[in-house]
Amino acid sequence: MKRALFLILMIPLQLWSMIWTVDQSGSGNWLHIQEAVDVAASGDTVLVFPGEYFENIDIVEKDLSLWSTYTSDPQPEIIEQTIIHGRPIDSAVMADGCDFIEINGFTIMNNYPDSSLVLSGISSVLPGGGIYLKSNCYTVLLENCIIKNCIATAGGGIASDVHYLWLSNLNIYDNRAIFGGGEGSILQVEIQILR
């Protein structure tokens, strides 16, 4: 019920917002996700087409929806083919100072699939190898994502200190943390699991 009410309240905001497309083939507005995030305003949507994006995404003081094309064409292979592959020294996706963030339809990792970086001792100095949601964020929706092959000091897959965190249809596995919480560290957060 809360989610339905929230979505109804978001509809008027979406009428005045922009959708920025990211497509490595060159047919979108941008080739890189971070470029679209940088130009987007609060309330906008960044729509990402399938591809492997070797970049770390920082969403700072903006309320955004970060979607893959899975949101309009719910085929499981789209999640597997839309990859945010961040550097292992940072969180693949980090949100800071946001009232609302939605991340939907991605595979997120910050380590090579064969774990060679773990074995060589290279690792993040931050919590949240896959996703790091800082405490000054309020509401975050994580839906239809795979978070794997991530490494961090804590919360290898996800580290969160947000007020409201909604989780739905997530696969979180094969993540590592140096000090604790290999799959995730969640601190001071109300978790709402959506079905």
N, C-alpha and C. Protein backbone atom coordinates (compact mmCIF):
# COMPACT_ATOMS: atom_id res chain seq x y z
N MET A 1 0.82 -1.19 0.00
CA MET A 1 0.00 0.00 0.00
C MET A 1 0.87 1.26 0.00
N LYS A 2 1.92 1.26 0.84
CA LYS A 2 2.81 2.42 0.88
C LYS A 2 3.47 2.65 -0.47
N ARG A 3 3.89 1.54 -1.11
CA ARG A 3 4.55 1.68 -2.40
C ARG A 3 3.59 2.23 -3.46
N ALA A 4 2.35 1.75 -3.46
CA ALA A 4 1.36 2.24 -4.43
C ALA A 4 1.13 3.73 -4.25
N LEU A 5 0.99 4.16 -3.01
CA LEU A 5 0.79 5.58 -2.72
C LEU A 5 2.00 6.39 -3.16
N PHE A 6 3.19 5.87 -2.89
CA PHE A 6 4.42 6.55 -3.29
C PHE A 6 4.49 6.71 -4.81
N LEU A 7 4.16 5.64 -5.54
CA LEU A 7 4.20 5.70 -7.00
C LEU A 7 3.17 6.67 -7.55
N ILE A 8 2.00 6.72 -6.95
CA ILE A 8 0.97 7.67 -7.38
C ILE A 8 1.45 9.10 -7.18
N LEU A 9 2.12 9.35 -6.08
CA LEU A 9 2.64 10.69 -5.82
C LEU A 9 3.80 11.04 -6.75
N MET A 10 4.51 10.04 -7.27
CA MET A 10 5.63 10.29 -8.17
C MET A 10 5.18 10.61 -9.59
N ILE A 11 3.98 10.23 -10.00
CA ILE A 11 3.52 10.44 -11.37
C ILE A 11 3.58 11.91 -11.79
N PRO A 12 3.09 12.86 -10.99
CA PRO A 12 3.19 14.26 -11.43
C PRO A 12 4.64 14.71 -11.62
N LEU A 13 5.57 14.22 -10.82
CA LEU A 13 6.97 14.57 -10.99
C LEU A 13 7.51 14.05 -12.30
N GLN A 14 7.09 12.84 -12.70
CA GLN A 14 7.57 12.26 -13.94
C GLN A 14 7.07 13.02 -15.17
N LEU A 15 5.96 13.75 -15.06
CA LEU A 15 5.44 14.51 -16.19
C LEU A 15 6.37 15.65 -16.58
N TRP A 16 7.16 16.18 -15.64
CA TRP A 16 8.06 17.29 -15.91
C TRP A 16 9.52 16.86 -15.90
N SER A 17 9.76 15.60 -15.94
CA SER A 17 11.13 15.13 -15.87
C SER A 17 11.62 14.70 -17.25
N MET A 18 12.94 14.52 -17.34
CA MET A 18 13.58 14.09 -18.58
C MET A 18 14.00 12.63 -18.44
N ILE A 19 14.05 11.94 -19.57
CA ILE A 19 14.62 10.61 -19.62
C ILE A 19 15.88 10.72 -20.49
N TRP A 20 17.03 10.45 -19.87
CA TRP A 20 18.32 10.49 -20.55
C TRP A 20 18.72 9.07 -20.90
N THR A 21 19.00 8.80 -22.17
CA THR A 21 19.33 7.45 -22.59
C THR A 21 20.85 7.28 -22.73
N VAL A 22 21.31 6.10 -22.31
CA VAL A 22 22.72 5.74 -22.40
C VAL A 22 22.80 4.47 -23.24
N ASP A 23 23.54 4.55 -24.35
CA ASP A 23 23.64 3.40 -25.25
C ASP A 23 25.03 3.40 -25.88
N GLN A 24 25.76 2.33 -25.69
CA GLN A 24 27.12 2.24 -26.22
C GLN A 24 27.17 2.21 -27.74
N SER A 25 26.04 1.95 -28.39
CA SER A 25 26.01 1.95 -29.86
C SER A 25 26.00 3.36 -30.42
N GLY A 26 25.78 4.36 -29.56
CA GLY A 26 25.76 5.74 -30.02
C GLY A 26 24.38 6.26 -30.33
N SER A 27 23.34 5.46 -30.17
CA SER A 27 21.99 5.91 -30.51
C SER A 27 21.29 6.60 -29.34
N GLY A 28 21.92 6.69 -28.18
CA GLY A 28 21.32 7.36 -27.03
C GLY A 28 21.85 8.77 -26.88
N ASN A 29 21.47 9.44 -25.78
CA ASN A 29 21.99 10.76 -25.48
C ASN A 29 23.46 10.71 -25.08
N TRP A 30 23.86 9.60 -24.45
CA TRP A 30 25.21 9.48 -23.89
C TRP A 30 25.77 8.09 -24.11
N LEU A 31 27.11 7.99 -24.04
CA LEU A 31 27.78 6.69 -24.14
C LEU A 31 28.10 6.12 -22.77
N HIS A 32 28.18 6.98 -21.74
CA HIS A 32 28.55 6.58 -20.39
C HIS A 32 27.45 6.96 -19.40
N ILE A 33 27.22 6.11 -18.42
CA ILE A 33 26.17 6.35 -17.43
C ILE A 33 26.46 7.59 -16.61
N GLN A 34 27.72 7.77 -16.17
CA GLN A 34 28.04 8.91 -15.32
C GLN A 34 27.79 10.24 -16.03
N GLU A 35 28.02 10.29 -17.35
CA GLU A 35 27.73 11.51 -18.11
C GLU A 35 26.25 11.88 -18.01
N ALA A 36 25.38 10.88 -18.14
CA ALA A 36 23.94 11.13 -18.04
C ALA A 36 23.56 11.55 -16.63
N VAL A 37 24.14 10.89 -15.63
CA VAL A 37 23.86 11.26 -14.23
C VAL A 37 24.29 12.69 -13.97
N ASP A 38 25.42 13.11 -14.51
CA ASP A 38 25.93 14.47 -14.29
C ASP A 38 25.00 15.54 -14.85
N VAL A 39 24.39 15.29 -16.01
CA VAL A 39 23.53 16.31 -16.62
C VAL A 39 22.09 16.23 -16.12
N ALA A 40 21.70 15.09 -15.56
CA ALA A 40 20.32 14.91 -15.11
C ALA A 40 20.03 15.82 -13.92
N ALA A 41 18.76 16.21 -13.82
CA ALA A 41 18.28 17.00 -12.68
C ALA A 41 17.46 16.08 -11.79
N SER A 42 17.22 16.51 -10.57
CA SER A 42 16.37 15.72 -9.67
C SER A 42 15.03 15.45 -10.32
N GLY A 43 14.58 14.20 -10.21
CA GLY A 43 13.32 13.78 -10.82
C GLY A 43 13.49 13.14 -12.18
N ASP A 44 14.69 13.23 -12.76
CA ASP A 44 14.94 12.65 -14.08
C ASP A 44 15.20 11.15 -13.97
N THR A 45 15.15 10.50 -15.13
CA THR A 45 15.44 9.08 -15.24
C THR A 45 16.63 8.90 -16.18
N VAL A 46 17.55 8.05 -15.80
CA VAL A 46 18.65 7.65 -16.68
C VAL A 46 18.34 6.21 -17.11
N LEU A 47 18.08 6.04 -18.40
CA LEU A 47 17.70 4.75 -18.98
C LEU A 47 18.90 4.18 -19.73
N VAL A 48 19.37 3.00 -19.29
CA VAL A 48 20.60 2.41 -19.80
C VAL A 48 20.29 1.18 -20.65
N PHE A 49 20.82 1.17 -21.87
CA PHE A 49 20.66 0.03 -22.77
C PHE A 49 21.72 -1.03 -22.45
N PRO A 50 21.47 -2.28 -22.83
CA PRO A 50 22.42 -3.35 -22.52
C PRO A 50 23.83 -3.04 -23.01
N GLY A 51 24.80 -3.48 -22.21
CA GLY A 51 26.21 -3.29 -22.50
C GLY A 51 26.99 -3.42 -21.20
N GLU A 52 28.30 -3.49 -21.30
CA GLU A 52 29.15 -3.54 -20.11
C GLU A 52 29.80 -2.18 -19.95
N TYR A 53 29.44 -1.48 -18.90
CA TYR A 53 29.87 -0.12 -18.64
C TYR A 53 30.97 -0.14 -17.58
N PHE A 54 32.21 0.09 -18.01
CA PHE A 54 33.35 0.06 -17.11
C PHE A 54 33.51 1.43 -16.47
N GLU A 55 32.74 1.68 -15.43
CA GLU A 55 32.76 2.98 -14.75
C GLU A 55 32.12 2.84 -13.38
N ASN A 56 32.44 3.78 -12.52
CA ASN A 56 31.81 3.86 -11.22
C ASN A 56 30.80 5.00 -11.28
N ILE A 57 29.63 4.79 -10.69
CA ILE A 57 28.55 5.77 -10.77
C ILE A 57 28.40 6.45 -9.42
N ASP A 58 28.52 7.79 -9.41
CA ASP A 58 28.32 8.59 -8.21
C ASP A 58 27.09 9.46 -8.41
N ILE A 59 26.06 9.22 -7.60
CA ILE A 59 24.83 10.02 -7.65
C ILE A 59 24.85 10.90 -6.41
N VAL A 60 25.08 12.20 -6.61
CA VAL A 60 25.28 13.12 -5.49
C VAL A 60 24.21 14.22 -5.53
N GLU A 61 23.44 14.29 -4.46
CA GLU A 61 22.43 15.35 -4.25
C GLU A 61 21.46 15.47 -5.41
N LYS A 62 21.05 14.34 -5.96
CA LYS A 62 20.04 14.30 -7.01
C LYS A 62 19.11 13.14 -6.71
N ASP A 63 17.84 13.32 -6.98
CA ASP A 63 16.85 12.26 -6.83
C ASP A 63 16.59 11.69 -8.23
N LEU A 64 17.13 10.49 -8.48
CA LEU A 64 17.10 9.92 -9.82
C LEU A 64 16.56 8.50 -9.83
N SER A 65 16.06 8.12 -11.00
CA SER A 65 15.78 6.72 -11.29
C SER A 65 16.83 6.26 -12.28
N LEU A 66 17.57 5.22 -11.92
CA LEU A 66 18.58 4.63 -12.78
C LEU A 66 18.03 3.28 -13.22
N TRP A 67 17.58 3.21 -14.48
CA TRP A 67 16.88 2.04 -14.99
C TRP A 67 17.64 1.42 -16.15
N SER A 68 17.56 0.10 -16.27
CA SER A 68 17.94 -0.55 -17.52
C SER A 68 16.66 -0.68 -18.34
N THR A 69 16.79 -1.19 -19.55
CA THR A 69 15.60 -1.37 -20.39
C THR A 69 14.71 -2.50 -19.87
N TYR A 70 15.17 -3.20 -18.83
CA TYR A 70 14.33 -4.23 -18.19
C TYR A 70 13.02 -3.63 -17.69
N THR A 71 13.01 -2.36 -17.32
CA THR A 71 11.79 -1.74 -16.79
C THR A 71 10.68 -1.68 -17.84
N SER A 72 11.03 -1.64 -19.12
CA SER A 72 10.00 -1.63 -20.16
C SER A 72 9.87 -2.96 -20.89
N ASP A 73 10.88 -3.83 -20.76
CA ASP A 73 10.88 -5.13 -21.40
C ASP A 73 11.46 -6.14 -20.41
N PRO A 74 10.63 -6.65 -19.50
CA PRO A 74 11.14 -7.47 -18.38
C PRO A 74 11.63 -8.87 -18.77
N GLN A 75 12.72 -8.90 -19.51
CA GLN A 75 13.37 -10.15 -19.88
C GLN A 75 14.60 -10.32 -18.99
N PRO A 76 14.72 -11.44 -18.28
CA PRO A 76 15.84 -11.63 -17.34
C PRO A 76 17.22 -11.42 -17.97
N GLU A 77 17.38 -11.75 -19.24
CA GLU A 77 18.69 -11.59 -19.87
C GLU A 77 19.12 -10.13 -19.96
N ILE A 78 18.16 -9.20 -19.94
CA ILE A 78 18.52 -7.78 -19.97
C ILE A 78 19.29 -7.41 -18.71
N ILE A 79 18.89 -7.94 -17.56
CA ILE A 79 19.61 -7.68 -16.31
C ILE A 79 21.05 -8.19 -16.43
N GLU A 80 21.20 -9.39 -16.97
CA GLU A 80 22.53 -10.00 -17.11
C GLU A 80 23.39 -9.28 -18.15
N GLN A 81 22.77 -8.60 -19.09
CA GLN A 81 23.51 -7.94 -20.17
C GLN A 81 23.74 -6.45 -19.94
N THR A 82 23.18 -5.90 -18.86
CA THR A 82 23.36 -4.48 -18.56
C THR A 82 24.20 -4.41 -17.28
N ILE A 83 25.51 -4.25 -17.47
CA ILE A 83 26.47 -4.44 -16.39
C ILE A 83 27.17 -3.13 -16.05
N ILE A 84 27.13 -2.77 -14.78
CA ILE A 84 27.96 -1.69 -14.27
C ILE A 84 29.17 -2.37 -13.63
N HIS A 85 30.32 -2.18 -14.25
CA HIS A 85 31.53 -2.87 -13.83
C HIS A 85 32.50 -1.81 -13.30
N GLY A 86 32.40 -1.53 -12.00
CA GLY A 86 33.19 -0.47 -11.39
C GLY A 86 34.61 -0.89 -11.06
N ARG A 87 35.46 0.11 -10.82
CA ARG A 87 36.82 -0.14 -10.35
C ARG A 87 36.77 -0.73 -8.95
N PRO A 88 37.67 -1.62 -8.60
CA PRO A 88 37.61 -2.28 -7.30
C PRO A 88 38.01 -1.39 -6.13
N ILE A 89 38.55 -0.20 -6.39
CA ILE A 89 38.94 0.67 -5.28
C ILE A 89 37.80 1.56 -4.82
N ASP A 90 36.65 1.50 -5.48
CA ASP A 90 35.48 2.31 -5.13
C ASP A 90 34.23 1.45 -5.22
N SER A 91 33.14 1.99 -4.69
CA SER A 91 31.83 1.35 -4.87
C SER A 91 31.44 1.48 -6.33
N ALA A 92 30.85 0.43 -6.90
CA ALA A 92 30.41 0.52 -8.29
C ALA A 92 29.34 1.60 -8.44
N VAL A 93 28.41 1.67 -7.46
CA VAL A 93 27.38 2.71 -7.44
C VAL A 93 27.35 3.31 -6.04
N MET A 94 27.45 4.63 -5.94
CA MET A 94 27.42 5.32 -4.66
C MET A 94 26.38 6.43 -4.73
N ALA A 95 25.55 6.53 -3.68
CA ALA A 95 24.57 7.61 -3.59
C ALA A 95 24.84 8.41 -2.32
N ASP A 96 24.81 9.73 -2.45
CA ASP A 96 25.14 10.63 -1.34
C ASP A 96 24.24 11.86 -1.42
N GLY A 97 23.52 12.14 -0.35
CA GLY A 97 22.71 13.36 -0.28
C GLY A 97 21.46 13.33 -1.15
N CYS A 98 20.84 12.17 -1.30
CA CYS A 98 19.68 12.02 -2.17
C CYS A 98 18.45 11.71 -1.33
N ASP A 99 17.33 12.34 -1.64
CA ASP A 99 16.08 12.00 -0.96
C ASP A 99 15.46 10.73 -1.53
N PHE A 100 15.64 10.50 -2.84
CA PHE A 100 15.04 9.32 -3.48
C PHE A 100 15.96 8.82 -4.59
N ILE A 101 16.23 7.53 -4.57
CA ILE A 101 16.99 6.87 -5.65
C ILE A 101 16.31 5.54 -5.95
N GLU A 102 16.19 5.24 -7.24
CA GLU A 102 15.74 3.91 -7.65
C GLU A 102 16.77 3.34 -8.61
N ILE A 103 17.21 2.12 -8.34
CA ILE A 103 18.13 1.40 -9.22
C ILE A 103 17.42 0.11 -9.62
N ASN A 104 17.24 -0.09 -10.93
CA ASN A 104 16.38 -1.18 -11.39
C ASN A 104 16.93 -1.82 -12.66
N GLY A 105 17.28 -3.11 -12.57
CA GLY A 105 17.55 -3.89 -13.77
C GLY A 105 19.01 -4.01 -14.20
N PHE A 106 19.95 -4.08 -13.25
CA PHE A 106 21.37 -4.12 -13.58
C PHE A 106 22.07 -5.32 -12.95
N THR A 107 23.20 -5.68 -13.53
CA THR A 107 24.20 -6.49 -12.86
C THR A 107 25.28 -5.53 -12.42
N ILE A 108 25.64 -5.58 -11.13
CA ILE A 108 26.58 -4.62 -10.57
C ILE A 108 27.75 -5.39 -9.95
N MET A 109 28.98 -4.98 -10.33
CA MET A 109 30.18 -5.62 -9.77
C MET A 109 31.32 -4.62 -9.74
N ASN A 110 32.29 -4.85 -8.86
CA ASN A 110 33.49 -4.00 -8.84
C ASN A 110 34.76 -4.84 -8.77
N ASN A 111 34.72 -6.05 -9.31
CA ASN A 111 35.87 -6.94 -9.28
C ASN A 111 35.82 -7.82 -10.52
N TYR A 112 36.95 -8.31 -10.94
CA TYR A 112 36.95 -9.22 -12.08
C TYR A 112 36.24 -10.52 -11.72
N PRO A 113 35.56 -11.13 -12.66
CA PRO A 113 34.82 -12.36 -12.35
C PRO A 113 35.69 -13.49 -11.79
N ASP A 114 36.99 -13.51 -12.12
CA ASP A 114 37.84 -14.59 -11.62
C ASP A 114 38.47 -14.27 -10.27
N SER A 115 38.10 -13.15 -9.64
CA SER A 115 38.59 -12.74 -8.32
C SER A 115 40.08 -12.48 -8.30
N SER A 116 40.69 -12.18 -9.43
CA SER A 116 42.14 -11.97 -9.47
C SER A 116 42.54 -10.75 -8.65
N LEU A 117 41.68 -9.75 -8.55
CA LEU A 117 42.04 -8.58 -7.76
C LEU A 117 42.03 -8.88 -6.28
N VAL A 118 41.12 -9.74 -5.84
CA VAL A 118 41.10 -10.14 -4.44
C VAL A 118 42.39 -10.85 -4.09
N LEU A 119 42.80 -11.74 -4.98
CA LEU A 119 44.00 -12.53 -4.73
C LEU A 119 45.26 -11.66 -4.74
N SER A 120 45.25 -10.57 -5.50
CA SER A 120 46.43 -9.71 -5.57
C SER A 120 46.45 -8.67 -4.46
N GLY A 121 45.39 -8.62 -3.63
CA GLY A 121 45.37 -7.70 -2.51
C GLY A 121 44.81 -6.32 -2.82
N ILE A 122 44.32 -6.08 -4.04
CA ILE A 122 43.72 -4.80 -4.37
C ILE A 122 42.27 -4.82 -3.91
N SER A 123 41.88 -3.81 -3.15
CA SER A 123 40.50 -3.79 -2.67
C SER A 123 40.06 -2.38 -2.34
N SER A 124 38.78 -2.20 -2.22
CA SER A 124 38.17 -0.92 -1.90
C SER A 124 38.50 -0.51 -0.47
N VAL A 125 38.61 0.79 -0.27
CA VAL A 125 38.78 1.32 1.09
C VAL A 125 37.43 1.76 1.65
N LEU A 126 36.38 1.63 0.87
CA LEU A 126 35.04 2.04 1.28
C LEU A 126 34.18 0.84 1.60
N PRO A 127 33.12 1.03 2.38
CA PRO A 127 32.11 -0.02 2.48
C PRO A 127 31.29 -0.05 1.18
N GLY A 128 30.63 -1.17 0.93
CA GLY A 128 29.74 -1.26 -0.22
C GLY A 128 30.46 -1.37 -1.54
N GLY A 129 31.01 -2.53 -1.83
CA GLY A 129 31.71 -2.70 -3.10
C GLY A 129 30.78 -2.57 -4.29
N GLY A 130 29.59 -3.14 -4.19
CA GLY A 130 28.61 -3.02 -5.27
C GLY A 130 27.84 -1.72 -5.18
N ILE A 131 27.18 -1.51 -4.04
CA ILE A 131 26.37 -0.30 -3.84
C ILE A 131 26.66 0.24 -2.44
N TYR A 132 26.94 1.53 -2.36
CA TYR A 132 27.14 2.21 -1.09
C TYR A 132 26.13 3.35 -0.99
N LEU A 133 25.21 3.23 -0.04
CA LEU A 133 24.16 4.23 0.16
C LEU A 133 24.46 4.96 1.46
N LYS A 134 24.89 6.20 1.34
CA LYS A 134 25.34 6.96 2.52
C LYS A 134 24.16 7.39 3.38
N SER A 135 24.47 7.73 4.63
CA SER A 135 23.44 7.99 5.63
C SER A 135 22.59 9.23 5.33
N ASN A 136 23.06 10.13 4.49
CA ASN A 136 22.27 11.32 4.19
C ASN A 136 21.35 11.11 2.99
N CYS A 137 21.13 9.85 2.61
CA CYS A 137 20.09 9.49 1.64
C CYS A 137 18.87 9.05 2.43
N TYR A 138 17.68 9.27 1.88
CA TYR A 138 16.47 8.98 2.64
C TYR A 138 15.78 7.70 2.18
N THR A 139 15.35 7.64 0.92
CA THR A 139 14.60 6.49 0.43
C THR A 139 15.30 5.92 -0.80
N VAL A 140 15.54 4.61 -0.77
CA VAL A 140 16.20 3.94 -1.90
C VAL A 140 15.42 2.69 -2.26
N LEU A 141 15.14 2.52 -3.55
CA LEU A 141 14.52 1.31 -4.08
C LEU A 141 15.56 0.57 -4.91
N LEU A 142 15.86 -0.66 -4.54
CA LEU A 142 16.74 -1.53 -5.32
C LEU A 142 15.89 -2.68 -5.82
N GLU A 143 15.77 -2.79 -7.15
CA GLU A 143 14.89 -3.79 -7.72
C GLU A 143 15.55 -4.49 -8.90
N ASN A 144 15.27 -5.79 -9.03
CA ASN A 144 15.63 -6.55 -10.22
C ASN A 144 17.11 -6.41 -10.57
N CYS A 145 17.98 -6.64 -9.60
CA CYS A 145 19.41 -6.50 -9.83
C CYS A 145 20.17 -7.74 -9.38
N ILE A 146 21.32 -7.93 -10.00
CA ILE A 146 22.30 -8.93 -9.57
C ILE A 146 23.50 -8.15 -9.05
N ILE A 147 23.92 -8.45 -7.84
CA ILE A 147 25.10 -7.80 -7.26
C ILE A 147 26.08 -8.91 -6.93
N LYS A 148 27.17 -8.98 -7.69
CA LYS A 148 28.10 -10.11 -7.55
C LYS A 148 29.53 -9.65 -7.78
N ASN A 149 30.47 -10.49 -7.35
CA ASN A 149 31.90 -10.26 -7.58
C ASN A 149 32.35 -8.88 -7.12
N CYS A 150 31.90 -8.49 -5.94
CA CYS A 150 32.28 -7.20 -5.38
C CYS A 150 33.16 -7.40 -4.16
N ILE A 151 33.98 -6.40 -3.88
CA ILE A 151 34.84 -6.44 -2.70
C ILE A 151 34.87 -5.05 -2.07
N ALA A 152 34.89 -5.03 -0.73
CA ALA A 152 34.96 -3.76 0.00
C ALA A 152 35.48 -4.06 1.41
N THR A 153 35.69 -3.01 2.18
CA THR A 153 36.12 -3.22 3.57
C THR A 153 35.00 -3.88 4.37
N ALA A 154 33.77 -3.48 4.14
CA ALA A 154 32.59 -4.07 4.79
C ALA A 154 31.43 -3.96 3.81
N GLY A 155 30.47 -4.87 3.92
CA GLY A 155 29.34 -4.83 2.98
C GLY A 155 29.82 -5.04 1.56
N GLY A 156 30.42 -6.17 1.30
CA GLY A 156 30.97 -6.43 -0.03
C GLY A 156 29.98 -6.17 -1.15
N GLY A 157 28.73 -6.61 -0.99
CA GLY A 157 27.69 -6.38 -2.00
C GLY A 157 27.02 -5.03 -1.84
N ILE A 158 26.45 -4.79 -0.65
CA ILE A 158 25.72 -3.54 -0.37
C ILE A 158 26.09 -3.07 1.03
N ALA A 159 26.32 -1.77 1.16
CA ALA A 159 26.41 -1.14 2.48
C ALA A 159 25.42 0.03 2.47
N SER A 160 24.59 0.08 3.49
CA SER A 160 23.54 1.08 3.51
C SER A 160 23.34 1.62 4.91
N ASP A 161 23.11 2.91 4.98
CA ASP A 161 22.78 3.57 6.23
C ASP A 161 21.62 4.54 5.99
N VAL A 162 20.76 4.21 5.01
CA VAL A 162 19.65 5.09 4.65
C VAL A 162 18.46 4.85 5.57
N HIS A 163 17.50 5.75 5.50
CA HIS A 163 16.33 5.64 6.36
C HIS A 163 15.39 4.53 5.89
N TYR A 164 15.01 4.55 4.61
CA TYR A 164 14.13 3.52 4.05
C TYR A 164 14.83 2.85 2.87
N LEU A 165 14.90 1.53 2.92
CA LEU A 165 15.51 0.76 1.85
C LEU A 165 14.53 -0.32 1.42
N TRP A 166 14.05 -0.22 0.18
CA TRP A 166 13.14 -1.21 -0.37
C TRP A 166 13.94 -2.14 -1.27
N LEU A 167 13.82 -3.46 -1.03
CA LEU A 167 14.53 -4.46 -1.80
C LEU A 167 13.53 -5.37 -2.48
N SER A 168 13.74 -5.63 -3.77
CA SER A 168 12.83 -6.51 -4.49
C SER A 168 13.58 -7.23 -5.60
N ASN A 169 13.47 -8.57 -5.61
CA ASN A 169 14.04 -9.40 -6.67
C ASN A 169 15.53 -9.13 -6.88
N LEU A 170 16.30 -9.24 -5.81
CA LEU A 170 17.75 -9.07 -5.89
C LEU A 170 18.44 -10.41 -5.74
N ASN A 171 19.51 -10.61 -6.49
CA ASN A 171 20.40 -11.76 -6.33
C ASN A 171 21.75 -11.19 -5.92
N ILE A 172 22.17 -11.47 -4.68
CA ILE A 172 23.41 -10.93 -4.13
C ILE A 172 24.28 -12.12 -3.74
N TYR A 173 25.41 -12.30 -4.44
CA TYR A 173 26.24 -13.47 -4.16
C TYR A 173 27.68 -13.24 -4.62
N ASP A 174 28.58 -14.10 -4.11
CA ASP A 174 30.00 -14.08 -4.46
C ASP A 174 30.65 -12.72 -4.22
N ASN A 175 30.29 -12.08 -3.11
CA ASN A 175 30.89 -10.81 -2.72
C ASN A 175 31.79 -11.05 -1.52
N ARG A 176 32.77 -10.17 -1.33
CA ARG A 176 33.73 -10.35 -0.25
C ARG A 176 33.92 -9.04 0.50
N ALA A 177 34.14 -9.16 1.80
CA ALA A 177 34.46 -8.00 2.62
C ALA A 177 35.67 -8.34 3.46
N ILE A 178 36.53 -7.37 3.67
CA ILE A 178 37.76 -7.60 4.42
C ILE A 178 37.47 -7.75 5.91
N PHE A 179 36.55 -6.92 6.43
CA PHE A 179 36.28 -6.94 7.87
C PHE A 179 34.93 -7.55 8.24
N GLY A 180 33.93 -7.49 7.40
CA GLY A 180 32.65 -8.06 7.75
C GLY A 180 31.58 -7.76 6.73
N GLY A 181 30.52 -8.59 6.77
CA GLY A 181 29.38 -8.36 5.88
C GLY A 181 29.73 -8.58 4.43
N GLY A 182 30.12 -9.81 4.08
CA GLY A 182 30.50 -10.09 2.71
C GLY A 182 29.42 -9.77 1.70
N GLU A 183 28.19 -10.16 2.00
CA GLU A 183 27.10 -9.88 1.05
C GLU A 183 26.51 -8.49 1.28
N GLY A 184 26.40 -8.06 2.56
CA GLY A 184 25.84 -6.73 2.79
C GLY A 184 25.94 -6.32 4.24
N SER A 185 26.06 -5.04 4.43
CA SER A 185 26.01 -4.45 5.76
C SER A 185 24.92 -3.41 5.75
N ILE A 186 23.96 -3.57 6.61
CA ILE A 186 22.86 -2.61 6.65
C ILE A 186 22.79 -2.07 8.06
N LEU A 187 22.95 -0.79 8.18
CA LEU A 187 22.98 -0.13 9.48
C LEU A 187 21.83 0.85 9.60
N GLN A 188 21.12 0.84 10.69
CA GLN A 188 20.07 1.82 10.97
C GLN A 188 19.15 2.04 9.78
N VAL A 189 18.53 1.00 9.32
CA VAL A 189 17.70 1.12 8.13
C VAL A 189 16.41 0.32 8.34
N GLU A 190 15.33 0.84 7.83
CA GLU A 190 14.08 0.09 7.81
C GLU A 190 14.01 -0.62 6.49
N ILE A 191 13.96 -1.92 6.50
CA ILE A 191 13.93 -2.70 5.27
C ILE A 191 12.50 -3.10 4.95
N GLN A 192 12.09 -2.83 3.75
CA GLN A 192 10.78 -3.25 3.26
C GLN A 192 11.03 -4.16 2.07
N ILE A 193 10.74 -5.42 2.19
CA ILE A 193 10.92 -6.35 1.08
C ILE A 193 9.62 -6.41 0.30
N LEU A 194 9.71 -6.05 -0.98
CA LEU A 194 8.53 -6.01 -1.84
C LEU A 194 8.37 -7.35 -2.54
N ARG A 195 7.16 -7.76 -2.75
CA ARG A 195 6.90 -9.01 -3.46
C ARG A 195 6.11 -8.73 -4.71
